[in-house]
N, C-alpha and C. Protein backbone atom coordinates (compact mmCIF):
# COMPACT_ATOMS: atom_id res chain seq x y z
N MET A 1 19.51 14.11 35.92
CA MET A 1 19.14 12.70 36.05
C MET A 1 19.18 12.02 34.69
N PHE A 2 18.74 12.71 33.65
CA PHE A 2 18.71 12.13 32.31
C PHE A 2 19.99 12.49 31.58
N LYS A 3 20.37 11.61 30.65
CA LYS A 3 21.53 11.84 29.82
C LYS A 3 21.07 12.03 28.35
N LYS A 4 21.97 12.56 27.55
CA LYS A 4 21.63 12.80 26.16
C LYS A 4 21.17 11.53 25.45
N ASN A 5 20.07 11.69 24.73
CA ASN A 5 19.47 10.62 23.90
C ASN A 5 18.82 9.52 24.73
N ASP A 6 18.51 9.78 26.00
CA ASP A 6 17.80 8.79 26.82
C ASP A 6 16.40 8.58 26.28
N THR A 7 15.89 7.36 26.50
CA THR A 7 14.51 7.02 26.21
C THR A 7 13.76 6.81 27.52
N ILE A 8 12.65 7.49 27.67
CA ILE A 8 11.90 7.45 28.92
C ILE A 8 10.45 7.06 28.60
N VAL A 9 9.97 5.99 29.25
CA VAL A 9 8.60 5.53 29.05
C VAL A 9 7.77 5.84 30.28
N PHE A 10 6.63 6.46 30.07
CA PHE A 10 5.66 6.66 31.16
C PHE A 10 4.57 5.58 30.99
N TYR A 11 4.42 4.74 32.01
CA TYR A 11 3.64 3.53 31.91
C TYR A 11 2.49 3.55 32.89
N GLY A 12 1.25 3.43 32.44
CA GLY A 12 0.15 3.49 33.38
C GLY A 12 -1.22 3.40 32.73
N ASP A 13 -2.17 4.14 33.33
CA ASP A 13 -3.57 4.05 32.92
C ASP A 13 -4.00 5.34 32.24
N SER A 14 -5.29 5.70 32.39
CA SER A 14 -5.84 6.87 31.72
C SER A 14 -5.23 8.18 32.19
N ILE A 15 -4.76 8.24 33.42
CA ILE A 15 -4.15 9.46 33.94
C ILE A 15 -2.86 9.74 33.13
N THR A 16 -2.16 8.70 32.79
CA THR A 16 -0.97 8.85 31.97
C THR A 16 -1.36 9.06 30.50
N SER A 17 -2.28 8.24 30.01
CA SER A 17 -2.70 8.35 28.62
C SER A 17 -3.22 9.73 28.28
N SER A 18 -4.12 10.22 29.13
CA SER A 18 -4.72 11.58 28.97
C SER A 18 -5.14 11.80 27.52
N SER A 19 -6.02 10.93 27.05
CA SER A 19 -6.62 11.02 25.72
C SER A 19 -5.65 10.83 24.58
N LYS A 20 -4.56 10.13 24.82
CA LYS A 20 -3.66 9.76 23.72
C LYS A 20 -4.44 8.97 22.69
N THR A 21 -4.34 9.33 21.43
CA THR A 21 -5.13 8.66 20.40
C THR A 21 -4.29 7.93 19.36
N ASN A 22 -2.99 8.23 19.30
CA ASN A 22 -2.15 7.62 18.26
C ASN A 22 -0.80 7.21 18.85
N PRO A 23 -0.09 6.34 18.16
CA PRO A 23 1.21 5.87 18.67
C PRO A 23 2.29 6.94 18.49
N GLU A 24 3.44 6.64 19.05
CA GLU A 24 4.61 7.55 18.94
C GLU A 24 4.86 7.87 17.46
N GLY A 25 5.27 9.12 17.21
CA GLY A 25 5.54 9.53 15.84
C GLY A 25 4.41 10.27 15.19
N SER A 26 3.23 10.24 15.85
CA SER A 26 2.11 11.03 15.34
C SER A 26 2.32 12.48 15.76
N LEU A 27 1.32 13.32 15.50
CA LEU A 27 1.41 14.67 16.00
C LEU A 27 1.58 14.66 17.50
N THR A 28 2.33 15.61 18.03
CA THR A 28 2.73 15.59 19.43
C THR A 28 1.54 15.38 20.36
N TRP A 29 0.44 16.09 20.12
CA TRP A 29 -0.70 15.99 21.05
C TRP A 29 -1.47 14.69 20.87
N ASP A 30 -1.25 13.99 19.74
CA ASP A 30 -1.87 12.67 19.55
C ASP A 30 -1.03 11.56 20.20
N GLY A 31 0.29 11.61 19.98
CA GLY A 31 1.16 10.54 20.47
C GLY A 31 1.54 10.64 21.92
N LEU A 32 1.37 11.82 22.51
CA LEU A 32 1.75 11.99 23.90
C LEU A 32 0.58 12.35 24.82
N GLY A 33 -0.63 12.45 24.26
CA GLY A 33 -1.77 12.81 25.06
C GLY A 33 -1.80 14.29 25.37
N SER A 34 -2.77 14.71 26.16
CA SER A 34 -2.93 16.12 26.50
C SER A 34 -2.63 16.43 27.94
N GLY A 35 -1.94 15.50 28.62
CA GLY A 35 -1.70 15.67 30.06
C GLY A 35 -0.23 15.87 30.43
N TYR A 36 0.10 15.34 31.60
CA TYR A 36 1.41 15.61 32.19
C TYR A 36 2.59 15.08 31.35
N VAL A 37 2.39 13.96 30.65
CA VAL A 37 3.50 13.44 29.84
C VAL A 37 3.87 14.40 28.72
N ASN A 38 2.87 14.93 28.06
CA ASN A 38 3.12 15.90 27.02
C ASN A 38 3.75 17.17 27.60
N MET A 39 3.31 17.56 28.76
CA MET A 39 3.88 18.77 29.40
C MET A 39 5.33 18.56 29.76
N ILE A 40 5.68 17.36 30.27
CA ILE A 40 7.07 17.07 30.62
C ILE A 40 7.92 17.06 29.35
N ASN A 41 7.38 16.45 28.31
CA ASN A 41 8.13 16.46 27.04
C ASN A 41 8.34 17.87 26.53
N SER A 42 7.31 18.71 26.65
CA SER A 42 7.42 20.09 26.22
C SER A 42 8.47 20.87 27.03
N TYR A 43 8.53 20.59 28.32
CA TYR A 43 9.55 21.23 29.19
C TYR A 43 10.94 20.93 28.68
N TYR A 44 11.21 19.66 28.39
CA TYR A 44 12.57 19.29 27.94
C TYR A 44 12.84 19.79 26.51
N LEU A 45 11.81 19.84 25.67
CA LEU A 45 12.03 20.42 24.34
C LEU A 45 12.42 21.89 24.42
N LEU A 46 11.80 22.62 25.36
CA LEU A 46 12.05 24.05 25.46
C LEU A 46 13.30 24.37 26.20
N TYR A 47 13.54 23.71 27.35
CA TYR A 47 14.58 24.14 28.28
C TYR A 47 15.80 23.24 28.31
N LYS A 48 15.70 22.04 27.74
CA LYS A 48 16.83 21.12 27.72
C LYS A 48 16.91 20.43 26.35
N PRO A 49 16.85 21.21 25.27
CA PRO A 49 16.82 20.60 23.94
C PRO A 49 18.07 19.78 23.61
N GLU A 50 19.19 20.13 24.27
CA GLU A 50 20.43 19.42 24.01
C GLU A 50 20.37 17.96 24.44
N LEU A 51 19.42 17.61 25.33
CA LEU A 51 19.32 16.25 25.79
C LEU A 51 18.71 15.32 24.73
N ASN A 52 17.87 15.90 23.87
CA ASN A 52 17.25 15.11 22.79
C ASN A 52 16.56 13.86 23.34
N LEU A 53 15.73 14.05 24.35
CA LEU A 53 15.10 12.90 25.01
C LEU A 53 13.99 12.34 24.13
N ARG A 54 13.84 11.01 24.19
CA ARG A 54 12.71 10.35 23.56
C ARG A 54 11.74 9.94 24.65
N ILE A 55 10.63 10.67 24.73
CA ILE A 55 9.64 10.43 25.80
C ILE A 55 8.42 9.76 25.13
N ILE A 56 8.05 8.61 25.72
CA ILE A 56 6.98 7.76 25.15
C ILE A 56 5.87 7.62 26.15
N ASN A 57 4.63 7.87 25.72
CA ASN A 57 3.44 7.67 26.56
C ASN A 57 2.85 6.31 26.31
N GLN A 58 2.91 5.43 27.31
CA GLN A 58 2.31 4.11 27.22
C GLN A 58 1.23 3.91 28.26
N GLY A 59 0.40 4.93 28.42
CA GLY A 59 -0.78 4.81 29.29
C GLY A 59 -1.95 4.31 28.47
N ILE A 60 -2.78 3.45 29.05
CA ILE A 60 -4.01 3.01 28.42
C ILE A 60 -5.15 3.09 29.45
N SER A 61 -6.25 3.71 29.03
CA SER A 61 -7.38 3.90 29.94
C SER A 61 -7.89 2.57 30.50
N GLY A 62 -8.17 2.54 31.77
CA GLY A 62 -8.75 1.38 32.42
C GLY A 62 -7.73 0.33 32.88
N ASN A 63 -6.46 0.54 32.56
CA ASN A 63 -5.47 -0.49 32.89
C ASN A 63 -5.28 -0.66 34.38
N ARG A 64 -5.06 -1.92 34.77
CA ARG A 64 -4.69 -2.30 36.11
C ARG A 64 -3.30 -2.92 36.07
N THR A 65 -2.78 -3.32 37.22
CA THR A 65 -1.45 -3.91 37.23
C THR A 65 -1.34 -5.13 36.35
N GLU A 66 -2.40 -5.93 36.30
CA GLU A 66 -2.38 -7.11 35.46
C GLU A 66 -2.28 -6.77 33.97
N ASP A 67 -2.88 -5.68 33.57
CA ASP A 67 -2.78 -5.24 32.17
C ASP A 67 -1.38 -4.79 31.84
N LEU A 68 -0.73 -4.11 32.77
CA LEU A 68 0.63 -3.67 32.54
C LEU A 68 1.57 -4.84 32.39
N ILE A 69 1.35 -5.88 33.14
CA ILE A 69 2.15 -7.11 33.00
C ILE A 69 2.00 -7.70 31.60
N LYS A 70 0.76 -7.77 31.11
CA LYS A 70 0.51 -8.40 29.82
C LYS A 70 1.17 -7.66 28.67
N ARG A 71 1.31 -6.36 28.73
CA ARG A 71 1.84 -5.61 27.62
C ARG A 71 3.25 -5.07 27.87
N LEU A 72 3.89 -5.55 28.93
CA LEU A 72 5.21 -5.03 29.32
C LEU A 72 6.24 -5.21 28.18
N ASP A 73 6.30 -6.39 27.67
CA ASP A 73 7.33 -6.69 26.64
C ASP A 73 7.13 -5.81 25.41
N SER A 74 5.90 -5.77 24.90
CA SER A 74 5.67 -5.08 23.64
C SER A 74 5.64 -3.55 23.79
N ASP A 75 5.10 -3.07 24.89
CA ASP A 75 4.89 -1.64 25.05
C ASP A 75 5.98 -0.89 25.79
N VAL A 76 6.86 -1.64 26.45
CA VAL A 76 7.93 -0.99 27.23
C VAL A 76 9.31 -1.55 26.89
N LEU A 77 9.53 -2.81 27.16
CA LEU A 77 10.85 -3.39 27.00
C LEU A 77 11.37 -3.37 25.58
N SER A 78 10.45 -3.44 24.63
CA SER A 78 10.88 -3.43 23.22
C SER A 78 11.56 -2.12 22.81
N TYR A 79 11.35 -1.07 23.59
CA TYR A 79 11.98 0.22 23.32
C TYR A 79 13.34 0.37 23.97
N ASN A 80 13.75 -0.61 24.78
CA ASN A 80 15.01 -0.52 25.51
C ASN A 80 15.17 0.83 26.24
N PRO A 81 14.18 1.18 27.08
CA PRO A 81 14.22 2.50 27.71
C PRO A 81 15.31 2.59 28.79
N ASN A 82 15.77 3.80 28.99
CA ASN A 82 16.70 4.04 30.09
C ASN A 82 15.93 4.18 31.40
N TYR A 83 14.74 4.75 31.33
CA TYR A 83 13.90 4.94 32.51
C TYR A 83 12.45 4.54 32.22
N VAL A 84 11.84 3.90 33.21
CA VAL A 84 10.41 3.62 33.12
C VAL A 84 9.72 4.18 34.34
N PHE A 85 8.78 5.10 34.11
CA PHE A 85 7.99 5.68 35.20
C PHE A 85 6.66 4.90 35.28
N ILE A 86 6.39 4.32 36.43
CA ILE A 86 5.16 3.53 36.60
C ILE A 86 4.23 4.25 37.55
N MET A 87 3.01 4.53 37.09
CA MET A 87 1.94 4.98 38.00
C MET A 87 0.74 4.10 37.72
N ILE A 88 0.39 3.27 38.70
CA ILE A 88 -0.73 2.30 38.51
C ILE A 88 -1.33 1.96 39.87
N GLY A 89 -2.62 1.66 39.84
CA GLY A 89 -3.26 1.21 41.09
C GLY A 89 -4.67 1.72 41.25
N VAL A 90 -4.98 2.88 40.69
CA VAL A 90 -6.31 3.43 40.94
C VAL A 90 -7.40 2.52 40.37
N ASN A 91 -7.15 1.91 39.23
CA ASN A 91 -8.17 1.02 38.67
C ASN A 91 -8.23 -0.35 39.37
N ASP A 92 -7.08 -0.79 39.90
CA ASP A 92 -7.11 -2.00 40.72
C ASP A 92 -8.06 -1.82 41.90
N ALA A 93 -8.02 -0.63 42.50
CA ALA A 93 -8.88 -0.32 43.62
C ALA A 93 -10.31 0.03 43.19
N TRP A 94 -10.43 0.88 42.21
CA TRP A 94 -11.73 1.40 41.77
C TRP A 94 -12.67 0.30 41.32
N ARG A 95 -12.16 -0.65 40.55
CA ARG A 95 -13.01 -1.71 40.00
C ARG A 95 -13.61 -2.56 41.14
N MET A 96 -12.96 -2.62 42.25
CA MET A 96 -13.54 -3.41 43.36
C MET A 96 -14.78 -2.75 43.94
N PHE A 97 -14.90 -1.44 43.73
CA PHE A 97 -16.02 -0.69 44.29
C PHE A 97 -17.11 -0.40 43.25
N ASP A 98 -16.73 -0.19 41.99
CA ASP A 98 -17.78 0.11 41.02
C ASP A 98 -18.21 -1.14 40.23
N CYS A 99 -17.48 -2.22 40.38
CA CYS A 99 -17.87 -3.48 39.77
C CYS A 99 -17.71 -4.65 40.74
N PRO A 100 -18.34 -4.55 41.90
CA PRO A 100 -18.14 -5.55 42.95
C PRO A 100 -18.67 -6.95 42.56
N GLN A 101 -19.50 -7.01 41.54
CA GLN A 101 -20.10 -8.28 41.13
C GLN A 101 -19.16 -9.09 40.23
N ILE A 102 -18.06 -8.52 39.82
CA ILE A 102 -17.15 -9.21 38.92
C ILE A 102 -15.97 -9.79 39.69
N PRO A 103 -15.88 -11.12 39.84
CA PRO A 103 -14.87 -11.75 40.69
C PRO A 103 -13.43 -11.38 40.33
N GLU A 104 -13.13 -11.31 39.04
CA GLU A 104 -11.72 -11.09 38.65
C GLU A 104 -11.24 -9.69 38.99
N PHE A 105 -12.15 -8.78 39.36
CA PHE A 105 -11.74 -7.47 39.77
C PHE A 105 -11.44 -7.35 41.27
N LYS A 106 -11.58 -8.42 41.98
CA LYS A 106 -11.25 -8.43 43.43
C LYS A 106 -9.78 -8.76 43.55
N ILE A 107 -9.00 -7.78 43.90
CA ILE A 107 -7.55 -7.96 43.99
C ILE A 107 -7.11 -7.64 45.41
N SER A 108 -6.39 -8.56 46.01
CA SER A 108 -5.90 -8.40 47.38
C SER A 108 -4.66 -7.52 47.37
N ASN A 109 -4.32 -7.00 48.55
CA ASN A 109 -3.10 -6.22 48.64
C ASN A 109 -1.86 -7.06 48.25
N GLU A 110 -1.91 -8.34 48.60
CA GLU A 110 -0.80 -9.24 48.25
C GLU A 110 -0.66 -9.34 46.73
N LYS A 111 -1.82 -9.45 46.04
CA LYS A 111 -1.78 -9.57 44.59
C LYS A 111 -1.25 -8.26 43.96
N TYR A 112 -1.69 -7.14 44.47
CA TYR A 112 -1.20 -5.85 43.98
C TYR A 112 0.31 -5.78 44.16
N ARG A 113 0.77 -6.16 45.34
CA ARG A 113 2.23 -6.16 45.64
C ARG A 113 2.98 -7.08 44.65
N ASN A 114 2.46 -8.27 44.47
CA ASN A 114 3.15 -9.23 43.60
C ASN A 114 3.18 -8.75 42.15
N ASN A 115 2.09 -8.17 41.69
CA ASN A 115 2.06 -7.63 40.32
C ASN A 115 3.07 -6.50 40.14
N LEU A 116 3.10 -5.61 41.12
CA LEU A 116 4.05 -4.48 41.06
C LEU A 116 5.48 -4.99 41.15
N LEU A 117 5.70 -5.96 41.99
CA LEU A 117 7.05 -6.54 42.09
C LEU A 117 7.47 -7.18 40.80
N TYR A 118 6.56 -7.86 40.12
CA TYR A 118 6.87 -8.49 38.85
C TYR A 118 7.33 -7.45 37.86
N LEU A 119 6.60 -6.34 37.76
CA LEU A 119 6.96 -5.26 36.83
C LEU A 119 8.35 -4.71 37.16
N VAL A 120 8.54 -4.38 38.42
CA VAL A 120 9.82 -3.78 38.85
C VAL A 120 10.98 -4.72 38.56
N LYS A 121 10.85 -5.97 38.97
CA LYS A 121 11.97 -6.93 38.78
C LYS A 121 12.31 -7.12 37.31
N LYS A 122 11.29 -7.26 36.48
CA LYS A 122 11.53 -7.53 35.05
C LYS A 122 12.13 -6.32 34.36
N ILE A 123 11.69 -5.11 34.72
CA ILE A 123 12.24 -3.92 34.11
C ILE A 123 13.69 -3.74 34.52
N ILE A 124 13.96 -3.93 35.83
CA ILE A 124 15.34 -3.79 36.33
C ILE A 124 16.26 -4.81 35.64
N ALA A 125 15.76 -6.05 35.51
CA ALA A 125 16.53 -7.11 34.87
C ALA A 125 16.88 -6.78 33.42
N SER A 126 16.01 -5.99 32.77
CA SER A 126 16.26 -5.62 31.38
C SER A 126 17.35 -4.54 31.25
N GLY A 127 17.73 -3.94 32.38
CA GLY A 127 18.74 -2.90 32.36
C GLY A 127 18.20 -1.49 32.47
N SER A 128 16.85 -1.36 32.58
CA SER A 128 16.25 -0.03 32.75
C SER A 128 16.11 0.36 34.19
N LYS A 129 16.06 1.65 34.44
CA LYS A 129 15.81 2.16 35.78
C LYS A 129 14.34 2.44 35.95
N VAL A 130 13.84 2.21 37.16
CA VAL A 130 12.40 2.36 37.44
C VAL A 130 12.17 3.53 38.39
N VAL A 131 11.19 4.32 38.11
CA VAL A 131 10.69 5.35 39.01
C VAL A 131 9.23 5.01 39.30
N LEU A 132 8.90 4.93 40.57
CA LEU A 132 7.54 4.59 41.01
C LEU A 132 6.80 5.88 41.41
N MET A 133 5.63 6.08 40.85
CA MET A 133 4.78 7.21 41.20
C MET A 133 3.46 6.66 41.74
N SER A 134 3.13 7.09 42.92
CA SER A 134 1.97 6.48 43.60
C SER A 134 0.64 6.80 42.90
N PRO A 135 -0.33 5.88 43.01
CA PRO A 135 -1.66 6.23 42.61
C PRO A 135 -2.22 7.26 43.58
N PHE A 136 -3.30 7.91 43.24
CA PHE A 136 -3.89 8.90 44.11
C PHE A 136 -5.39 8.97 43.89
N TYR A 137 -6.08 9.45 44.92
CA TYR A 137 -7.51 9.68 44.83
C TYR A 137 -7.74 11.02 45.56
N LEU A 138 -8.31 11.99 44.88
CA LEU A 138 -8.43 13.33 45.42
C LEU A 138 -9.62 13.43 46.37
N GLU A 139 -9.46 12.73 47.48
CA GLU A 139 -10.46 12.68 48.54
C GLU A 139 -9.74 12.84 49.87
N THR A 140 -10.14 13.85 50.65
CA THR A 140 -9.44 14.12 51.90
C THR A 140 -10.02 13.32 53.07
N ASN A 141 -11.16 12.71 52.89
CA ASN A 141 -11.75 11.87 53.93
C ASN A 141 -11.03 10.53 53.93
N LEU A 142 -10.13 10.31 54.88
CA LEU A 142 -9.30 9.10 54.89
C LEU A 142 -10.08 7.85 55.17
N SER A 143 -11.30 7.97 55.67
CA SER A 143 -12.12 6.80 55.94
C SER A 143 -12.96 6.37 54.74
N ASN A 144 -12.91 7.19 53.67
CA ASN A 144 -13.59 6.81 52.43
C ASN A 144 -12.99 5.50 51.94
N PRO A 145 -13.80 4.50 51.61
CA PRO A 145 -13.27 3.16 51.28
C PRO A 145 -12.24 3.16 50.13
N LEU A 146 -12.54 3.92 49.08
CA LEU A 146 -11.61 3.95 47.93
C LEU A 146 -10.31 4.68 48.34
N ARG A 147 -10.43 5.77 49.08
CA ARG A 147 -9.23 6.46 49.53
C ARG A 147 -8.39 5.56 50.46
N ASN A 148 -9.07 4.82 51.32
CA ASN A 148 -8.37 3.91 52.24
C ASN A 148 -7.59 2.85 51.47
N LYS A 149 -8.21 2.29 50.43
CA LYS A 149 -7.54 1.28 49.61
C LYS A 149 -6.36 1.90 48.87
N ILE A 150 -6.53 3.06 48.32
CA ILE A 150 -5.41 3.72 47.65
C ILE A 150 -4.24 3.96 48.61
N ASP A 151 -4.56 4.37 49.82
CA ASP A 151 -3.49 4.57 50.82
C ASP A 151 -2.72 3.28 51.09
N GLN A 152 -3.44 2.18 51.08
CA GLN A 152 -2.76 0.90 51.28
C GLN A 152 -1.82 0.60 50.11
N TYR A 153 -2.25 0.92 48.90
CA TYR A 153 -1.41 0.69 47.72
C TYR A 153 -0.20 1.62 47.75
N VAL A 154 -0.40 2.85 48.18
CA VAL A 154 0.71 3.80 48.28
C VAL A 154 1.77 3.26 49.22
N ALA A 155 1.34 2.71 50.36
CA ALA A 155 2.30 2.17 51.33
C ALA A 155 3.05 0.97 50.74
N ILE A 156 2.34 0.13 50.02
CA ILE A 156 3.01 -1.02 49.35
C ILE A 156 4.03 -0.55 48.34
N MET A 157 3.67 0.43 47.53
CA MET A 157 4.61 0.95 46.53
C MET A 157 5.84 1.57 47.18
N GLU A 158 5.61 2.29 48.25
CA GLU A 158 6.73 2.91 48.96
C GLU A 158 7.68 1.87 49.54
N GLU A 159 7.14 0.78 50.07
CA GLU A 159 7.95 -0.31 50.59
C GLU A 159 8.80 -0.94 49.49
N ILE A 160 8.21 -1.17 48.34
CA ILE A 160 8.94 -1.77 47.21
C ILE A 160 10.04 -0.82 46.74
N ALA A 161 9.74 0.47 46.69
CA ALA A 161 10.73 1.45 46.28
C ALA A 161 11.92 1.43 47.24
N ALA A 162 11.64 1.39 48.52
CA ALA A 162 12.72 1.33 49.54
C ALA A 162 13.54 0.06 49.41
N GLU A 163 12.87 -1.06 49.17
CA GLU A 163 13.56 -2.34 49.05
C GLU A 163 14.49 -2.38 47.86
N TYR A 164 14.11 -1.76 46.76
CA TYR A 164 14.92 -1.82 45.55
C TYR A 164 15.64 -0.49 45.27
N ASN A 165 15.63 0.40 46.23
CA ASN A 165 16.33 1.68 46.14
C ASN A 165 15.90 2.45 44.89
N LEU A 166 14.59 2.59 44.71
CA LEU A 166 14.02 3.26 43.57
C LEU A 166 13.54 4.65 43.99
N LEU A 167 13.57 5.59 43.05
CA LEU A 167 12.96 6.88 43.30
C LEU A 167 11.44 6.70 43.41
N PHE A 168 10.89 7.23 44.48
CA PHE A 168 9.44 7.10 44.73
C PHE A 168 8.84 8.48 44.87
N ILE A 169 7.82 8.74 44.08
CA ILE A 169 7.14 10.05 44.13
C ILE A 169 5.74 9.81 44.69
N ASN A 170 5.55 10.32 45.91
CA ASN A 170 4.28 10.10 46.61
C ASN A 170 3.29 11.18 46.16
N LEU A 171 2.58 10.86 45.07
CA LEU A 171 1.63 11.85 44.53
C LEU A 171 0.42 12.06 45.40
N GLN A 172 0.02 11.00 46.12
CA GLN A 172 -1.10 11.18 47.05
C GLN A 172 -0.79 12.25 48.10
N LYS A 173 0.43 12.17 48.64
CA LYS A 173 0.83 13.17 49.64
C LYS A 173 0.88 14.56 49.01
N SER A 174 1.40 14.64 47.80
CA SER A 174 1.50 15.92 47.12
C SER A 174 0.14 16.55 46.89
N PHE A 175 -0.81 15.76 46.41
CA PHE A 175 -2.15 16.29 46.18
C PHE A 175 -2.89 16.59 47.47
N ASP A 176 -2.62 15.83 48.54
CA ASP A 176 -3.23 16.14 49.82
C ASP A 176 -2.79 17.53 50.28
N GLU A 177 -1.52 17.84 50.08
CA GLU A 177 -1.01 19.16 50.48
C GLU A 177 -1.67 20.25 49.64
N LEU A 178 -1.84 19.98 48.35
CA LEU A 178 -2.48 20.97 47.49
C LEU A 178 -3.93 21.20 47.86
N LEU A 179 -4.62 20.14 48.25
CA LEU A 179 -6.05 20.23 48.57
C LEU A 179 -6.32 20.99 49.88
N GLU A 180 -5.25 21.30 50.60
CA GLU A 180 -5.42 22.21 51.78
C GLU A 180 -5.64 23.64 51.31
N LYS A 181 -5.32 23.94 50.04
CA LYS A 181 -5.40 25.30 49.53
C LYS A 181 -6.35 25.45 48.33
N VAL A 182 -6.61 24.33 47.63
CA VAL A 182 -7.36 24.38 46.38
C VAL A 182 -8.51 23.42 46.42
N LEU A 183 -9.65 23.81 45.89
CA LEU A 183 -10.81 22.94 45.84
C LEU A 183 -10.58 21.80 44.84
N VAL A 184 -11.06 20.62 45.19
CA VAL A 184 -10.81 19.45 44.35
C VAL A 184 -11.33 19.63 42.93
N PHE A 185 -12.46 20.33 42.78
CA PHE A 185 -13.04 20.49 41.45
C PHE A 185 -12.26 21.50 40.58
N SER A 186 -11.25 22.13 41.17
CA SER A 186 -10.32 22.93 40.36
C SER A 186 -9.30 22.02 39.66
N LEU A 187 -9.25 20.75 40.11
CA LEU A 187 -8.25 19.79 39.60
C LEU A 187 -8.87 18.68 38.85
N SER A 188 -10.09 18.26 39.24
CA SER A 188 -10.67 17.06 38.66
C SER A 188 -12.17 17.04 38.86
N ALA A 189 -12.90 16.49 37.90
CA ALA A 189 -14.36 16.40 38.02
C ALA A 189 -14.78 15.14 38.78
N ASP A 190 -13.94 14.12 38.78
CA ASP A 190 -14.32 12.82 39.42
C ASP A 190 -13.32 12.39 40.46
N ARG A 191 -12.40 13.26 40.84
CA ARG A 191 -11.36 12.99 41.85
C ARG A 191 -10.27 12.03 41.39
N VAL A 192 -10.31 11.65 40.14
CA VAL A 192 -9.29 10.74 39.59
C VAL A 192 -8.63 11.35 38.35
N HIS A 193 -9.45 11.67 37.35
CA HIS A 193 -8.91 12.17 36.09
C HIS A 193 -8.69 13.70 36.20
N LEU A 194 -7.50 14.11 35.79
CA LEU A 194 -7.09 15.50 36.02
C LEU A 194 -7.44 16.39 34.85
N ASN A 195 -7.84 17.64 35.18
CA ASN A 195 -7.99 18.65 34.15
C ASN A 195 -6.62 19.29 33.90
N MET A 196 -6.58 20.40 33.16
CA MET A 196 -5.31 20.98 32.79
C MET A 196 -4.55 21.46 34.04
N ALA A 197 -5.27 22.05 34.98
CA ALA A 197 -4.62 22.51 36.22
C ALA A 197 -4.03 21.35 36.99
N GLY A 198 -4.78 20.26 37.07
CA GLY A 198 -4.29 19.08 37.80
C GLY A 198 -3.06 18.48 37.12
N ASN A 199 -3.11 18.42 35.79
CA ASN A 199 -1.95 17.91 35.06
C ASN A 199 -0.73 18.82 35.19
N MET A 200 -0.98 20.13 35.25
CA MET A 200 0.13 21.06 35.43
C MET A 200 0.81 20.84 36.79
N TYR A 201 -0.01 20.62 37.82
CA TYR A 201 0.54 20.38 39.14
C TYR A 201 1.32 19.06 39.15
N LEU A 202 0.75 18.04 38.53
CA LEU A 202 1.40 16.73 38.43
C LEU A 202 2.76 16.87 37.72
N ARG A 203 2.76 17.60 36.63
CA ARG A 203 4.04 17.85 35.93
C ARG A 203 5.04 18.51 36.86
N ASP A 204 4.61 19.54 37.55
CA ASP A 204 5.53 20.29 38.42
C ASP A 204 6.08 19.41 39.55
N GLU A 205 5.24 18.56 40.09
CA GLU A 205 5.72 17.68 41.18
C GLU A 205 6.75 16.68 40.68
N ILE A 206 6.49 16.11 39.50
CA ILE A 206 7.46 15.14 38.94
C ILE A 206 8.78 15.84 38.66
N LEU A 207 8.74 17.03 38.04
CA LEU A 207 9.97 17.76 37.75
C LEU A 207 10.68 18.18 39.03
N ARG A 208 9.92 18.48 40.06
CA ARG A 208 10.55 18.85 41.34
C ARG A 208 11.32 17.69 41.92
N PHE A 209 10.76 16.51 41.87
CA PHE A 209 11.43 15.32 42.39
C PHE A 209 12.69 15.02 41.54
N LEU A 210 12.56 15.14 40.22
CA LEU A 210 13.67 14.84 39.35
C LEU A 210 14.81 15.83 39.57
N THR A 211 14.48 17.10 39.75
CA THR A 211 15.48 18.10 40.01
C THR A 211 16.19 17.85 41.32
N ALA A 212 15.38 17.48 42.36
CA ALA A 212 16.00 17.20 43.67
C ALA A 212 16.91 16.01 43.59
N LYS A 213 16.52 14.99 42.83
CA LYS A 213 17.32 13.77 42.67
C LYS A 213 18.62 14.08 42.00
N ASN A 214 18.67 15.11 41.16
CA ASN A 214 19.85 15.44 40.35
C ASN A 214 20.86 16.23 41.15
N LYS A 215 20.45 16.77 42.31
CA LYS A 215 21.37 17.59 43.11
C LYS A 215 22.24 16.76 43.98
């Protein structure tokens, strides 16, 4: 899927950031975080060094779709990436439940759709390719309010991916399948932020989709 010297940006929230503390060009574990982005970079460094990929982590803790819009030009488009991987939505949903008293955190499904569409259209217009990765909540009770909202966002993202013929990675579905065999606390302490095992699984799922796309 990737070509030599491609630039790939992973764009999202704390799940993507994974404790990233410094910008690109710092020590690897500072500039790429300690999660799945660093693991994917390590995979290509070890097994596909001839590609010489430039992988950039542009996740920021707490970000919602509106935050991604605000920093799109500076944090993504300025790098002229070949691919942009977007995973966003858990904070759009979460803030409505843990901060219900704050009006600006109330975001409708239509607003989420419009924000995501804005990101997709502008990135495509710049000449970059988009890969959409669904938000997820590691809760198997589908009637849980936060899980229900995340499922609605996943459906919206999948519809947009189909409309624009984008690669869509349904991470909620992937984690649901894993949770049939593994306890949630083996992956995350709060059902959102992943530990090393959770990040390893996330890395493997992304690489599995990319490999399948390349066949």
